[in-house]
Amino acid sequence: MNTCLNCGKKYDLEWMTERIKDKYCKVPKCKDCNGVVKPDITFVGEDLPARFFQCAITDFPQCDLLLIMGTSLVVQPFASLVNEVAEEVPRLLINMKEAGRAGILERATGMPGLCYGLSYNRR
């Protein structure tokens, strides 16, 4: 979905696609209030919604399998979430490239974030 930042009106993917393909439309605008309409995602540099932090606190301790997809595991606070599940919880990384090698964990322990290539790596 896509949402007007001013009035909150929702727009579907088809509506947004038409605006993006329109060479005269520089920024998608709401039909009702002329506010900017953006996809319901968090862009780099934007604050994460409060719900993200609420869910991280309650959901990660209950996790029995962590799926990690499409991330470099570099940008915080998301990158540190792999460490918020219990040590014995399996982690499955689905990504085009290796991720999580550099960062706070590696600097603190000298170990790569997801322990690639280690014989005891259960992840």
PDB file of N, CA and C in Angstrom:
ATOM      1  N   MET A   1       0.840  -1.185   0.000  1.00  0.00           N
ATOM      2  CA  MET A   1       0.000   0.000   0.000  1.00  0.00           C
ATOM      3  C   MET A   1       0.883   1.246   0.000  1.00  0.00           C
ATOM      4  N   ASN A   2       0.222   2.350  -0.262  1.00  0.00           N
ATOM      5  CA  ASN A   2       0.859   3.666  -0.291  1.00  0.00           C
ATOM      6  C   ASN A   2      -0.061   4.606   0.464  1.00  0.00           C
ATOM      7  N   THR A   3       0.509   5.549   1.193  1.00  0.00           N
ATOM      8  CA  THR A   3      -0.288   6.398   2.071  1.00  0.00           C
ATOM      9  C   THR A   3       0.066   7.863   1.894  1.00  0.00           C
ATOM     10  N   CYS A   4      -0.973   8.710   1.919  1.00  0.00           N
ATOM     11  CA  CYS A   4      -0.762  10.155   1.907  1.00  0.00           C
ATOM     12  C   CYS A   4      -0.192  10.558   3.262  1.00  0.00           C
ATOM     13  N   LEU A   5       0.913  11.275   3.250  1.00  0.00           N
ATOM     14  CA  LEU A   5       1.553  11.694   4.498  1.00  0.00           C
ATOM     15  C   LEU A   5       0.761  12.768   5.220  1.00  0.00           C
ATOM     16  N   ASN A   6      -0.190  13.409   4.525  1.00  0.00           N
ATOM     17  CA  ASN A   6      -0.979  14.484   5.121  1.00  0.00           C
ATOM     18  C   ASN A   6      -2.295  13.976   5.716  1.00  0.00           C
ATOM     19  N   CYS A   7      -3.108  13.295   4.908  1.00  0.00           N
ATOM     20  CA  CYS A   7      -4.447  12.898   5.371  1.00  0.00           C
ATOM     21  C   CYS A   7      -4.581  11.408   5.664  1.00  0.00           C
ATOM     22  N   GLY A   8      -3.600  10.598   5.256  1.00  0.00           N
ATOM     23  CA  GLY A   8      -3.637   9.170   5.546  1.00  0.00           C
ATOM     24  C   GLY A   8      -4.400   8.324   4.541  1.00  0.00           C
ATOM     25  N   LYS A   9      -4.886   8.921   3.452  1.00  0.00           N
ATOM     26  CA  LYS A   9      -5.612   8.152   2.443  1.00  0.00           C
ATOM     27  C   LYS A   9      -4.692   7.096   1.840  1.00  0.00           C
ATOM     28  N   LYS A  10      -5.254   5.900   1.615  1.00  0.00           N
ATOM     29  CA  LYS A  10      -4.496   4.772   1.071  1.00  0.00           C
ATOM     30  C   LYS A  10      -4.669   4.679  -0.441  1.00  0.00           C
ATOM     31  N   TYR A  11      -3.585   4.297  -1.105  1.00  0.00           N
ATOM     32  CA  TYR A  11      -3.583   4.086  -2.549  1.00  0.00           C
ATOM     33  C   TYR A  11      -2.947   2.734  -2.840  1.00  0.00           C
ATOM     34  N   ASP A  12      -3.465   2.036  -3.846  1.00  0.00           N
ATOM     35  CA  ASP A  12      -2.937   0.711  -4.167  1.00  0.00           C
ATOM     36  C   ASP A  12      -1.708   0.792  -5.081  1.00  0.00           C
ATOM     37  N   LEU A  13      -1.114  -0.364  -5.322  1.00  0.00           N
ATOM     38  CA  LEU A  13       0.103  -0.449  -6.127  1.00  0.00           C
ATOM     39  C   LEU A  13      -0.135   0.030  -7.558  1.00  0.00           C
ATOM     40  N   GLU A  14      -1.286  -0.310  -8.124  1.00  0.00           N
ATOM     41  CA  GLU A  14      -1.597   0.109  -9.493  1.00  0.00           C
ATOM     42  C   GLU A  14      -1.595   1.635  -9.606  1.00  0.00           C
ATOM     43  N   TRP A  15      -2.205   2.312  -8.639  1.00  0.00           N
ATOM     44  CA  TRP A  15      -2.252   3.779  -8.637  1.00  0.00           C
ATOM     45  C   TRP A  15      -0.833   4.350  -8.595  1.00  0.00           C
ATOM     46  N   MET A  16      -0.003   3.823  -7.696  1.00  0.00           N
ATOM     47  CA  MET A  16       1.362   4.322  -7.548  1.00  0.00           C
ATOM     48  C   MET A  16       2.184   4.036  -8.805  1.00  0.00           C
ATOM     49  N   THR A  17       2.028   2.857  -9.380  1.00  0.00           N
ATOM     50  CA  THR A  17       2.767   2.500 -10.593  1.00  0.00           C
ATOM     51  C   THR A  17       2.453   3.463 -11.731  1.00  0.00           C
ATOM     52  N   GLU A  18       1.182   3.815 -11.879  1.00  0.00           N
ATOM     53  CA  GLU A  18       0.793   4.781 -12.916  1.00  0.00           C
ATOM     54  C   GLU A  18       1.500   6.120 -12.704  1.00  0.00           C
ATOM     55  N   ARG A  19       1.585   6.569 -11.464  1.00  0.00           N
ATOM     56  CA  ARG A  19       2.237   7.852 -11.168  1.00  0.00           C
ATOM     57  C   ARG A  19       3.731   7.791 -11.451  1.00  0.00           C
ATOM     58  N   ILE A  20       4.356   6.698 -11.086  1.00  0.00           N
ATOM     59  CA  ILE A  20       5.802   6.555 -11.292  1.00  0.00           C
ATOM     60  C   ILE A  20       6.141   6.532 -12.782  1.00  0.00           C
ATOM     61  N   LYS A  21       5.294   5.888 -13.576  1.00  0.00           N
ATOM     62  CA  LYS A  21       5.536   5.794 -15.025  1.00  0.00           C
ATOM     63  C   LYS A  21       5.168   7.075 -15.772  1.00  0.00           C
ATOM     64  N   ASP A  22       4.416   7.960 -15.143  1.00  0.00           N
ATOM     65  CA  ASP A  22       4.004   9.220 -15.772  1.00  0.00           C
ATOM     66  C   ASP A  22       5.181  10.195 -15.748  1.00  0.00           C
ATOM     67  N   LYS A  23       5.718  10.533 -16.922  1.00  0.00           N
ATOM     68  CA  LYS A  23       6.902  11.395 -16.978  1.00  0.00           C
ATOM     69  C   LYS A  23       6.625  12.810 -16.481  1.00  0.00           C
ATOM     70  N   TYR A  24       5.365  13.198 -16.350  1.00  0.00           N
ATOM     71  CA  TYR A  24       5.019  14.538 -15.868  1.00  0.00           C
ATOM     72  C   TYR A  24       4.783  14.575 -14.354  1.00  0.00           C
ATOM     73  N   CYS A  25       4.728  13.414 -13.735  1.00  0.00           N
ATOM     74  CA  CYS A  25       4.488  13.338 -12.285  1.00  0.00           C
ATOM     75  C   CYS A  25       5.826  13.163 -11.576  1.00  0.00           C
ATOM     76  N   LYS A  26       6.301  14.220 -10.930  1.00  0.00           N
ATOM     77  CA  LYS A  26       7.583  14.138 -10.219  1.00  0.00           C
ATOM     78  C   LYS A  26       7.415  13.495  -8.846  1.00  0.00           C
ATOM     79  N   VAL A  27       6.327  13.849  -8.152  1.00  0.00           N
ATOM     80  CA  VAL A  27       6.041  13.306  -6.829  1.00  0.00           C
ATOM     81  C   VAL A  27       4.561  12.941  -6.790  1.00  0.00           C
ATOM     82  N   PRO A  28       4.219  11.695  -6.453  1.00  0.00           N
ATOM     83  CA  PRO A  28       2.805  11.321  -6.372  1.00  0.00           C
ATOM     84  C   PRO A  28       2.083  12.150  -5.306  1.00  0.00           C
ATOM     85  N   LYS A  29       0.927  12.719  -5.689  1.00  0.00           N
ATOM     86  CA  LYS A  29       0.160  13.587  -4.786  1.00  0.00           C
ATOM     87  C   LYS A  29      -1.234  13.015  -4.557  1.00  0.00           C
ATOM     88  N   CYS A  30      -1.741  13.216  -3.356  1.00  0.00           N
ATOM     89  CA  CYS A  30      -3.071  12.763  -2.952  1.00  0.00           C
ATOM     90  C   CYS A  30      -4.153  13.499  -3.741  1.00  0.00           C
ATOM     91  N   LYS A  31      -5.171  12.752  -4.183  1.00  0.00           N
ATOM     92  CA  LYS A  31      -6.296  13.340  -4.914  1.00  0.00           C
ATOM     93  C   LYS A  31      -7.140  14.235  -4.016  1.00  0.00           C
ATOM     94  N   ASP A  32      -7.174  13.923  -2.716  1.00  0.00           N
ATOM     95  CA  ASP A  32      -8.040  14.656  -1.787  1.00  0.00           C
ATOM     96  C   ASP A  32      -7.414  15.936  -1.243  1.00  0.00           C
ATOM     97  N   CYS A  33      -6.140  15.862  -0.821  1.00  0.00           N
ATOM     98  CA  CYS A  33      -5.547  17.013  -0.122  1.00  0.00           C
ATOM     99  C   CYS A  33      -4.261  17.526  -0.771  1.00  0.00           C
ATOM    100  N   ASN A  34      -3.806  16.872  -1.842  1.00  0.00           N
ATOM    101  CA  ASN A  34      -2.582  17.243  -2.546  1.00  0.00           C
ATOM    102  C   ASN A  34      -1.307  16.976  -1.729  1.00  0.00           C
ATOM    103  N   GLY A  35      -1.421  16.158  -0.684  1.00  0.00           N
ATOM    104  CA  GLY A  35      -0.251  15.772   0.105  1.00  0.00           C
ATOM    105  C   GLY A  35       0.591  14.740  -0.632  1.00  0.00           C
ATOM    106  N   VAL A  36       1.813  14.572  -0.209  1.00  0.00           N
ATOM    107  CA  VAL A  36       2.725  13.589  -0.810  1.00  0.00           C
ATOM    108  C   VAL A  36       2.273  12.178  -0.434  1.00  0.00           C
ATOM    109  N   VAL A  37       2.254  11.288  -1.431  1.00  0.00           N
ATOM    110  CA  VAL A  37       1.915   9.880  -1.210  1.00  0.00           C
ATOM    111  C   VAL A  37       3.192   9.067  -1.365  1.00  0.00           C
ATOM    112  N   LYS A  38       3.478   8.213  -0.368  1.00  0.00           N
ATOM    113  CA  LYS A  38       4.686   7.383  -0.426  1.00  0.00           C
ATOM    114  C   LYS A  38       4.346   5.947  -0.071  1.00  0.00           C
ATOM    115  N   PRO A  39       5.182   5.007  -0.514  1.00  0.00           N
ATOM    116  CA  PRO A  39       4.959   3.598  -0.167  1.00  0.00           C
ATOM    117  C   PRO A  39       5.024   3.394   1.347  1.00  0.00           C
ATOM    118  N   ASP A  40       4.306   2.389   1.827  1.00  0.00           N
ATOM    119  CA  ASP A  40       4.291   2.073   3.254  1.00  0.00           C
ATOM    120  C   ASP A  40       5.521   1.253   3.636  1.00  0.00           C
ATOM    121  N   ILE A  41       6.680   1.830   3.396  1.00  0.00           N
ATOM    122  CA  ILE A  41       7.957   1.229   3.783  1.00  0.00           C
ATOM    123  C   ILE A  41       8.781   2.305   4.479  1.00  0.00           C
ATOM    124  N   THR A  42       9.850   1.896   5.125  1.00  0.00           N
ATOM    125  CA  THR A  42      10.750   2.851   5.752  1.00  0.00           C
ATOM    126  C   THR A  42      11.982   2.985   4.871  1.00  0.00           C
ATOM    127  N   PHE A  43      12.221   4.186   4.378  1.00  0.00           N
ATOM    128  CA  PHE A  43      13.391   4.448   3.553  1.00  0.00           C
ATOM    129  C   PHE A  43      14.608   4.672   4.445  1.00  0.00           C
ATOM    130  N   VAL A  44      15.803   4.454   3.898  1.00  0.00           N
ATOM    131  CA  VAL A  44      17.039   4.715   4.630  1.00  0.00           C
ATOM    132  C   VAL A  44      17.024   6.167   5.089  1.00  0.00           C
ATOM    133  N   GLY A  45      17.330   6.377   6.357  1.00  0.00           N
ATOM    134  CA  GLY A  45      17.349   7.724   6.915  1.00  0.00           C
ATOM    135  C   GLY A  45      16.066   8.103   7.629  1.00  0.00           C
ATOM    136  N   GLU A  46      14.974   7.356   7.394  1.00  0.00           N
ATOM    137  CA  GLU A  46      13.715   7.633   8.085  1.00  0.00           C
ATOM    138  C   GLU A  46      13.683   6.875   9.407  1.00  0.00           C
ATOM    139  N   ASP A  47      12.967   7.418  10.374  1.00  0.00           N
ATOM    140  CA  ASP A  47      12.786   6.734  11.648  1.00  0.00           C
ATOM    141  C   ASP A  47      11.877   5.523  11.466  1.00  0.00           C
ATOM    142  N   LEU A  48      12.191   4.457  12.165  1.00  0.00           N
ATOM    143  CA  LEU A  48      11.313   3.295  12.167  1.00  0.00           C
ATOM    144  C   LEU A  48      10.089   3.612  13.013  1.00  0.00           C
ATOM    145  N   PRO A  49       8.942   3.016  12.689  1.00  0.00           N
ATOM    146  CA  PRO A  49       7.748   3.257  13.502  1.00  0.00           C
ATOM    147  C   PRO A  49       7.918   2.672  14.905  1.00  0.00           C
ATOM    148  N   ALA A  50       7.223   3.246  15.875  1.00  0.00           N
ATOM    149  CA  ALA A  50       7.298   2.774  17.262  1.00  0.00           C
ATOM    150  C   ALA A  50       6.933   1.295  17.354  1.00  0.00           C
ATOM    151  N   ARG A  51       6.018   0.849  16.518  1.00  0.00           N
ATOM    152  CA  ARG A  51       5.585  -0.556  16.535  1.00  0.00           C
ATOM    153  C   ARG A  51       6.762  -1.502  16.273  1.00  0.00           C
ATOM    154  N   PHE A  52       7.730  -1.096  15.482  1.00  0.00           N
ATOM    155  CA  PHE A  52       8.912  -1.916  15.220  1.00  0.00           C
ATOM    156  C   PHE A  52       9.594  -2.282  16.538  1.00  0.00           C
ATOM    157  N   PHE A  53       9.813  -1.300  17.382  1.00  0.00           N
ATOM    158  CA  PHE A  53      10.514  -1.529  18.645  1.00  0.00           C
ATOM    159  C   PHE A  53       9.654  -2.322  19.625  1.00  0.00           C
ATOM    160  N   GLN A  54       8.344  -2.057  19.634  1.00  0.00           N
ATOM    161  CA  GLN A  54       7.431  -2.809  20.499  1.00  0.00           C
ATOM    162  C   GLN A  54       7.436  -4.288  20.123  1.00  0.00           C
ATOM    163  N   CYS A  55       7.360  -4.569  18.830  1.00  0.00           N
ATOM    164  CA  CYS A  55       7.341  -5.961  18.366  1.00  0.00           C
ATOM    165  C   CYS A  55       8.681  -6.652  18.604  1.00  0.00           C
ATOM    166  N   ALA A  56       9.780  -5.937  18.433  1.00  0.00           N
ATOM    167  CA  ALA A  56      11.097  -6.534  18.659  1.00  0.00           C
ATOM    168  C   ALA A  56      11.230  -7.011  20.103  1.00  0.00           C
ATOM    169  N   ILE A  57      10.731  -6.229  21.026  1.00  0.00           N
ATOM    170  CA  ILE A  57      10.826  -6.573  22.451  1.00  0.00           C
ATOM    171  C   ILE A  57       9.990  -7.802  22.780  1.00  0.00           C
ATOM    172  N   THR A  58       8.792  -7.896  22.202  1.00  0.00           N
ATOM    173  CA  THR A  58       7.895  -9.005  22.540  1.00  0.00           C
ATOM    174  C   THR A  58       8.083 -10.235  21.658  1.00  0.00           C
ATOM    175  N   ASP A  59       8.395 -10.048  20.387  1.00  0.00           N
ATOM    176  CA  ASP A  59       8.434 -11.170  19.445  1.00  0.00           C
ATOM    177  C   ASP A  59       9.746 -11.946  19.435  1.00  0.00           C
ATOM    178  N   PHE A  60      10.873 -11.264  19.494  1.00  0.00           N
ATOM    179  CA  PHE A  60      12.152 -11.948  19.335  1.00  0.00           C
ATOM    180  C   PHE A  60      12.453 -12.959  20.437  1.00  0.00           C
ATOM    181  N   PRO A  61      12.095 -12.720  21.690  1.00  0.00           N
ATOM    182  CA  PRO A  61      12.331 -13.750  22.701  1.00  0.00           C
ATOM    183  C   PRO A  61      11.526 -15.036  22.460  1.00  0.00           C
ATOM    184  N   GLN A  62      10.457 -14.958  21.660  1.00  0.00           N
ATOM    185  CA  GLN A  62       9.614 -16.124  21.375  1.00  0.00           C
ATOM    186  C   GLN A  62       9.997 -16.831  20.078  1.00  0.00           C
ATOM    187  N   CYS A  63      10.962 -16.308  19.374  1.00  0.00           N
ATOM    188  CA  CYS A  63      11.335 -16.801  18.043  1.00  0.00           C
ATOM    189  C   CYS A  63      11.948 -18.200  18.116  1.00  0.00           C
ATOM    190  N   ASP A  64      11.492 -19.110  17.222  1.00  0.00           N
ATOM    191  CA  ASP A  64      12.111 -20.428  17.154  1.00  0.00           C
ATOM    192  C   ASP A  64      12.815 -20.671  15.815  1.00  0.00           C
ATOM    193  N   LEU A  65      12.697 -19.721  14.881  1.00  0.00           N
ATOM    194  CA  LEU A  65      13.432 -19.719  13.620  1.00  0.00           C
ATOM    195  C   LEU A  65      13.470 -18.282  13.130  1.00  0.00           C
ATOM    196  N   LEU A  66      14.657 -17.778  12.823  1.00  0.00           N
ATOM    197  CA  LEU A  66      14.793 -16.403  12.346  1.00  0.00           C
ATOM    198  C   LEU A  66      15.125 -16.417  10.864  1.00  0.00           C
ATOM    199  N   LEU A  67      14.219 -15.867  10.049  1.00  0.00           N
ATOM    200  CA  LEU A  67      14.439 -15.727   8.611  1.00  0.00           C
ATOM    201  C   LEU A  67      14.954 -14.324   8.347  1.00  0.00           C
ATOM    202  N   ILE A  68      16.083 -14.225   7.658  1.00  0.00           N
ATOM    203  CA  ILE A  68      16.706 -12.937   7.348  1.00  0.00           C
ATOM    204  C   ILE A  68      16.786 -12.847   5.831  1.00  0.00           C
ATOM    205  N   MET A  69      16.142 -11.828   5.246  1.00  0.00           N
ATOM    206  CA  MET A  69      16.084 -11.748   3.782  1.00  0.00           C
ATOM    207  C   MET A  69      16.389 -10.343   3.290  1.00  0.00           C
ATOM    208  N   GLY A  70      17.197 -10.271   2.252  1.00  0.00           N
ATOM    209  CA  GLY A  70      17.418  -9.033   1.533  1.00  0.00           C
ATOM    210  C   GLY A  70      17.988  -7.894   2.346  1.00  0.00           C
ATOM    211  N   THR A  71      19.030  -8.147   3.104  1.00  0.00           N
ATOM    212  CA  THR A  71      19.629  -7.097   3.924  1.00  0.00           C
ATOM    213  C   THR A  71      21.142  -7.256   3.973  1.00  0.00           C
ATOM    214  N   SER A  72      21.818  -6.148   4.137  1.00  0.00           N
ATOM    215  CA  SER A  72      23.273  -6.178   4.301  1.00  0.00           C
ATOM    216  C   SER A  72      23.654  -6.463   5.749  1.00  0.00           C
ATOM    217  N   LEU A  73      22.695  -6.354   6.647  1.00  0.00           N
ATOM    218  CA  LEU A  73      22.932  -6.474   8.090  1.00  0.00           C
ATOM    219  C   LEU A  73      23.976  -5.471   8.565  1.00  0.00           C
ATOM    220  N   VAL A  74      23.937  -4.290   7.987  1.00  0.00           N
ATOM    221  CA  VAL A  74      24.852  -3.222   8.370  1.00  0.00           C
ATOM    222  C   VAL A  74      24.097  -2.084   9.047  1.00  0.00           C
ATOM    223  N   VAL A  75      22.922  -1.744   8.545  1.00  0.00           N
ATOM    224  CA  VAL A  75      22.164  -0.598   9.049  1.00  0.00           C
ATOM    225  C   VAL A  75      21.491  -0.947  10.376  1.00  0.00           C
ATOM    226  N   GLN A  76      21.740  -0.121  11.374  1.00  0.00           N
ATOM    227  CA  GLN A  76      21.124  -0.292  12.693  1.00  0.00           C
ATOM    228  C   GLN A  76      19.796   0.463  12.745  1.00  0.00           C
ATOM    229  N   PRO A  77      18.859   0.040  13.558  1.00  0.00           N
ATOM    230  CA  PRO A  77      18.957  -1.011  14.570  1.00  0.00           C
ATOM    231  C   PRO A  77      18.657  -2.411  14.037  1.00  0.00           C
ATOM    232  N   PHE A  78      18.248  -2.512  12.783  1.00  0.00           N
ATOM    233  CA  PHE A  78      17.851  -3.809  12.238  1.00  0.00           C
ATOM    234  C   PHE A  78      18.981  -4.827  12.282  1.00  0.00           C
ATOM    235  N   ALA A  79      20.194  -4.399  11.999  1.00  0.00           N
ATOM    236  CA  ALA A  79      21.332  -5.317  11.922  1.00  0.00           C
ATOM    237  C   ALA A  79      21.568  -6.079  13.221  1.00  0.00           C
ATOM    238  N   SER A  80      21.263  -5.479  14.344  1.00  0.00           N
ATOM    239  CA  SER A  80      21.525  -6.132  15.632  1.00  0.00           C
ATOM    240  C   SER A  80      20.429  -7.111  16.039  1.00  0.00           C
ATOM    241  N   LEU A  81      19.328  -7.165  15.294  1.00  0.00           N
ATOM    242  CA  LEU A  81      18.230  -8.057  15.665  1.00  0.00           C
ATOM    243  C   LEU A  81      18.610  -9.531  15.592  1.00  0.00           C
ATOM    244  N   VAL A  82      19.602  -9.898  14.776  1.00  0.00           N
ATOM    245  CA  VAL A  82      20.008 -11.306  14.705  1.00  0.00           C
ATOM    246  C   VAL A  82      20.506 -11.798  16.061  1.00  0.00           C
ATOM    247  N   ASN A  83      20.900 -10.890  16.919  1.00  0.00           N
ATOM    248  CA  ASN A  83      21.393 -11.260  18.247  1.00  0.00           C
ATOM    249  C   ASN A  83      20.310 -11.206  19.318  1.00  0.00           C
ATOM    250  N   GLU A  84      19.090 -10.872  18.948  1.00  0.00           N
ATOM    251  CA  GLU A  84      18.003 -10.732  19.919  1.00  0.00           C
ATOM    252  C   GLU A  84      17.228 -12.021  20.133  1.00  0.00           C
ATOM    253  N   VAL A  85      17.558 -13.069  19.393  1.00  0.00           N
ATOM    254  CA  VAL A  85      16.925 -14.370  19.614  1.00  0.00           C
ATOM    255  C   VAL A  85      17.893 -15.223  20.425  1.00  0.00           C
ATOM    256  N   ALA A  86      17.379 -16.271  21.034  1.00  0.00           N
ATOM    257  CA  ALA A  86      18.225 -17.153  21.840  1.00  0.00           C
ATOM    258  C   ALA A  86      19.336 -17.757  20.982  1.00  0.00           C
ATOM    259  N   GLU A  87      20.458 -18.063  21.603  1.00  0.00           N
ATOM    260  CA  GLU A  87      21.635 -18.562  20.884  1.00  0.00           C
ATOM    261  C   GLU A  87      21.335 -19.822  20.083  1.00  0.00           C
ATOM    262  N   GLU A  88      20.459 -20.684  20.613  1.00  0.00           N
ATOM    263  CA  GLU A  88      20.172 -21.954  19.938  1.00  0.00           C
ATOM    264  C   GLU A  88      19.163 -21.827  18.792  1.00  0.00           C
ATOM    265  N   VAL A  89      18.608 -20.648  18.585  1.00  0.00           N
ATOM    266  CA  VAL A  89      17.628 -20.442  17.512  1.00  0.00           C
ATOM    267  C   VAL A  89      18.334 -20.431  16.158  1.00  0.00           C
ATOM    268  N   PRO A  90      17.903 -21.292  15.225  1.00  0.00           N
ATOM    269  CA  PRO A  90      18.515 -21.278  13.891  1.00  0.00           C
ATOM    270  C   PRO A  90      18.190 -19.991  13.146  1.00  0.00           C
ATOM    271  N   ARG A  91      19.148 -19.538  12.363  1.00  0.00           N
ATOM    272  CA  ARG A  91      18.974 -18.333  11.549  1.00  0.00           C
ATOM    273  C   ARG A  91      19.194 -18.723  10.094  1.00  0.00           C
ATOM    274  N   LEU A  92      18.259 -18.334   9.225  1.00  0.00           N
ATOM    275  CA  LEU A  92      18.370 -18.625   7.801  1.00  0.00           C
ATOM    276  C   LEU A  92      18.505 -17.314   7.057  1.00  0.00           C
ATOM    277  N   LEU A  93      19.653 -17.119   6.405  1.00  0.00           N
ATOM    278  CA  LEU A  93      19.910 -15.909   5.630  1.00  0.00           C
ATOM    279  C   LEU A  93      19.664 -16.200   4.160  1.00  0.00           C
ATOM    280  N   ILE A  94      18.741 -15.459   3.559  1.00  0.00           N
ATOM    281  CA  ILE A  94      18.450 -15.557   2.129  1.00  0.00           C
ATOM    282  C   ILE A  94      18.826 -14.211   1.539  1.00  0.00           C
ATOM    283  N   ASN A  95      19.908 -14.201   0.775  1.00  0.00           N
ATOM    284  CA  ASN A  95      20.447 -12.930   0.301  1.00  0.00           C
ATOM    285  C   ASN A  95      21.278 -13.172  -0.952  1.00  0.00           C
ATOM    286  N   MET A  96      21.423 -12.159  -1.766  1.00  0.00           N
ATOM    287  CA  MET A  96      22.250 -12.275  -2.965  1.00  0.00           C
ATOM    288  C   MET A  96      23.741 -12.293  -2.621  1.00  0.00           C
ATOM    289  N   LYS A  97      24.122 -11.647  -1.525  1.00  0.00           N
ATOM    290  CA  LYS A  97      25.523 -11.554  -1.119  1.00  0.00           C
ATOM    291  C   LYS A  97      25.644 -11.903   0.358  1.00  0.00           C
ATOM    292  N   GLU A  98      26.867 -12.230   0.779  1.00  0.00           N
ATOM    293  CA  GLU A  98      27.111 -12.435   2.202  1.00  0.00           C
ATOM    294  C   GLU A  98      26.769 -11.160   2.941  1.00  0.00           C
ATOM    295  N   ALA A  99      26.267 -11.315   4.141  1.00  0.00           N
ATOM    296  CA  ALA A  99      25.890 -10.154   4.944  1.00  0.00           C
ATOM    297  C   ALA A  99      26.289 -10.394   6.388  1.00  0.00           C
ATOM    298  N   GLY A 100      26.450  -9.322   7.112  1.00  0.00           N
ATOM    299  CA  GLY A 100      26.710  -9.432   8.537  1.00  0.00           C
ATOM    300  C   GLY A 100      28.149  -9.694   8.914  1.00  0.00           C
ATOM    301  N   ARG A 101      29.073  -9.586   7.980  1.00  0.00           N
ATOM    302  CA  ARG A 101      30.478  -9.840   8.317  1.00  0.00           C
ATOM    303  C   ARG A 101      31.090  -8.722   9.141  1.00  0.00           C
ATOM    304  N   ALA A 102      30.874  -7.511   8.748  1.00  0.00           N
ATOM    305  CA  ALA A 102      31.478  -6.384   9.464  1.00  0.00           C
ATOM    306  C   ALA A 102      30.443  -5.744  10.372  1.00  0.00           C
ATOM    307  N   GLY A 103      30.890  -5.243  11.476  1.00  0.00           N
ATOM    308  CA  GLY A 103      29.970  -4.552  12.365  1.00  0.00           C
ATOM    309  C   GLY A 103      30.399  -4.643  13.807  1.00  0.00           C
ATOM    310  N   ILE A 104      29.496  -4.271  14.668  1.00  0.00           N
ATOM    311  CA  ILE A 104      29.764  -4.222  16.103  1.00  0.00           C
ATOM    312  C   ILE A 104      30.180  -5.589  16.628  1.00  0.00           C
ATOM    313  N   LEU A 105      29.448  -6.640  16.244  1.00  0.00           N
ATOM    314  CA  LEU A 105      29.748  -7.980  16.740  1.00  0.00           C
ATOM    315  C   LEU A 105      31.158  -8.409  16.347  1.00  0.00           C
ATOM    316  N   GLU A 106      31.528  -8.190  15.100  1.00  0.00           N
ATOM    317  CA  GLU A 106      32.862  -8.587  14.649  1.00  0.00           C
ATOM    318  C   GLU A 106      33.945  -7.808  15.388  1.00  0.00           C
ATOM    319  N   ARG A 107      33.741  -6.519  15.562  1.00  0.00           N
ATOM    320  CA  ARG A 107      34.750  -5.712  16.264  1.00  0.00           C
ATOM    321  C   ARG A 107      34.872  -6.133  17.723  1.00  0.00           C
ATOM    322  N   ALA A 108      33.766  -6.496  18.348  1.00  0.00           N
ATOM    323  CA  ALA A 108      33.788  -6.854  19.766  1.00  0.00           C
ATOM    324  C   ALA A 108      34.362  -8.251  20.000  1.00  0.00           C
ATOM    325  N   THR A 109      34.061  -9.203  19.100  1.00  0.00           N
ATOM    326  CA  THR A 109      34.450 -10.593  19.337  1.00  0.00           C
ATOM    327  C   THR A 109      35.527 -11.097  18.400  1.00  0.00           C
ATOM    328  N   GLY A 110      35.761 -10.371  17.305  1.00  0.00           N
ATOM    329  CA  GLY A 110      36.689 -10.855  16.303  1.00  0.00           C
ATOM    330  C   GLY A 110      36.086 -11.927  15.410  1.00  0.00           C
ATOM    331  N   MET A 111      34.804 -12.243  15.615  1.00  0.00           N
ATOM    332  CA  MET A 111      34.112 -13.256  14.818  1.00  0.00           C
ATOM    333  C   MET A 111      33.179 -12.570  13.832  1.00  0.00           C
ATOM    334  N   PRO A 112      33.012 -13.127  12.626  1.00  0.00           N
ATOM    335  CA  PRO A 112      32.045 -12.569  11.689  1.00  0.00           C
ATOM    336  C   PRO A 112      30.634 -12.726  12.235  1.00  0.00           C
ATOM    337  N   GLY A 113      29.758 -11.808  11.902  1.00  0.00           N
ATOM    338  CA  GLY A 113      28.407 -11.767  12.450  1.00  0.00           C
ATOM    339  C   GLY A 113      27.616 -13.054  12.352  1.00  0.00           C
ATOM    340  N   LEU A 114      27.667 -13.745  11.219  1.00  0.00           N
ATOM    341  CA  LEU A 114      26.901 -14.981  11.071  1.00  0.00           C
ATOM    342  C   LEU A 114      27.797 -16.213  11.010  1.00  0.00           C
ATOM    343  N   CYS A 115      29.073 -16.064  11.320  1.00  0.00           N
ATOM    344  CA  CYS A 115      30.017 -17.187  11.434  1.00  0.00           C
ATOM    345  C   CYS A 115      30.061 -18.054  10.181  1.00  0.00           C
ATOM    346  N   TYR A 116      30.285 -17.463   9.031  1.00  0.00           N
ATOM    347  CA  TYR A 116      30.373 -18.211   7.778  1.00  0.00           C
ATOM    348  C   TYR A 116      31.518 -19.212   7.814  1.00  0.00           C
ATOM    349  N   GLY A 117      31.280 -20.397   7.300  1.00  0.00           N
ATOM    350  CA  GLY A 117      32.335 -21.368   7.058  1.00  0.00           C
ATOM    351  C   GLY A 117      32.895 -22.075   8.277  1.00  0.00           C
ATOM    352  N   LEU A 118      32.368 -21.853   9.452  1.00  0.00           N
ATOM    353  CA  LEU A 118      32.885 -22.538  10.632  1.00  0.00           C
ATOM    354  C   LEU A 118      32.228 -23.908  10.740  1.00  0.00           C
ATOM    355  N   SER A 119      32.995 -24.925  11.106  1.00  0.00           N
ATOM    356  CA  SER A 119      32.475 -26.294  11.133  1.00  0.00           C
ATOM    357  C   SER A 119      31.340 -26.464  12.141  1.00  0.00           C
ATOM    358  N   TYR A 120      31.337 -25.674  13.197  1.00  0.00           N
ATOM    359  CA  TYR A 120      30.287 -25.808  14.210  1.00  0.00           C
ATOM    360  C   TYR A 120      29.107 -24.869  13.954  1.00  0.00           C
ATOM    361  N   ASN A 121      29.105 -24.213  12.824  1.00  0.00           N
ATOM    362  CA  ASN A 121      28.035 -23.272  12.502  1.00  0.00           C
ATOM    363  C   ASN A 121      26.748 -24.036  12.213  1.00  0.00           C
ATOM    364  N   ARG A 122      25.753 -23.872  13.082  1.00  0.00           N
ATOM    365  CA  ARG A 122      24.472 -24.552  12.917  1.00  0.00           C
ATOM    366  C   ARG A 122      23.474 -23.661  12.211  1.00  0.00           C
ATOM    367  N   ARG A 123      23.870 -22.463  11.900  1.00  0.00           N
ATOM    368  CA  ARG A 123      22.915 -21.507  11.367  1.00  0.00           C
ATOM    369  C   ARG A 123      22.853 -21.696   9.911  1.00  0.00           C
TER     370      ARG A 123
END
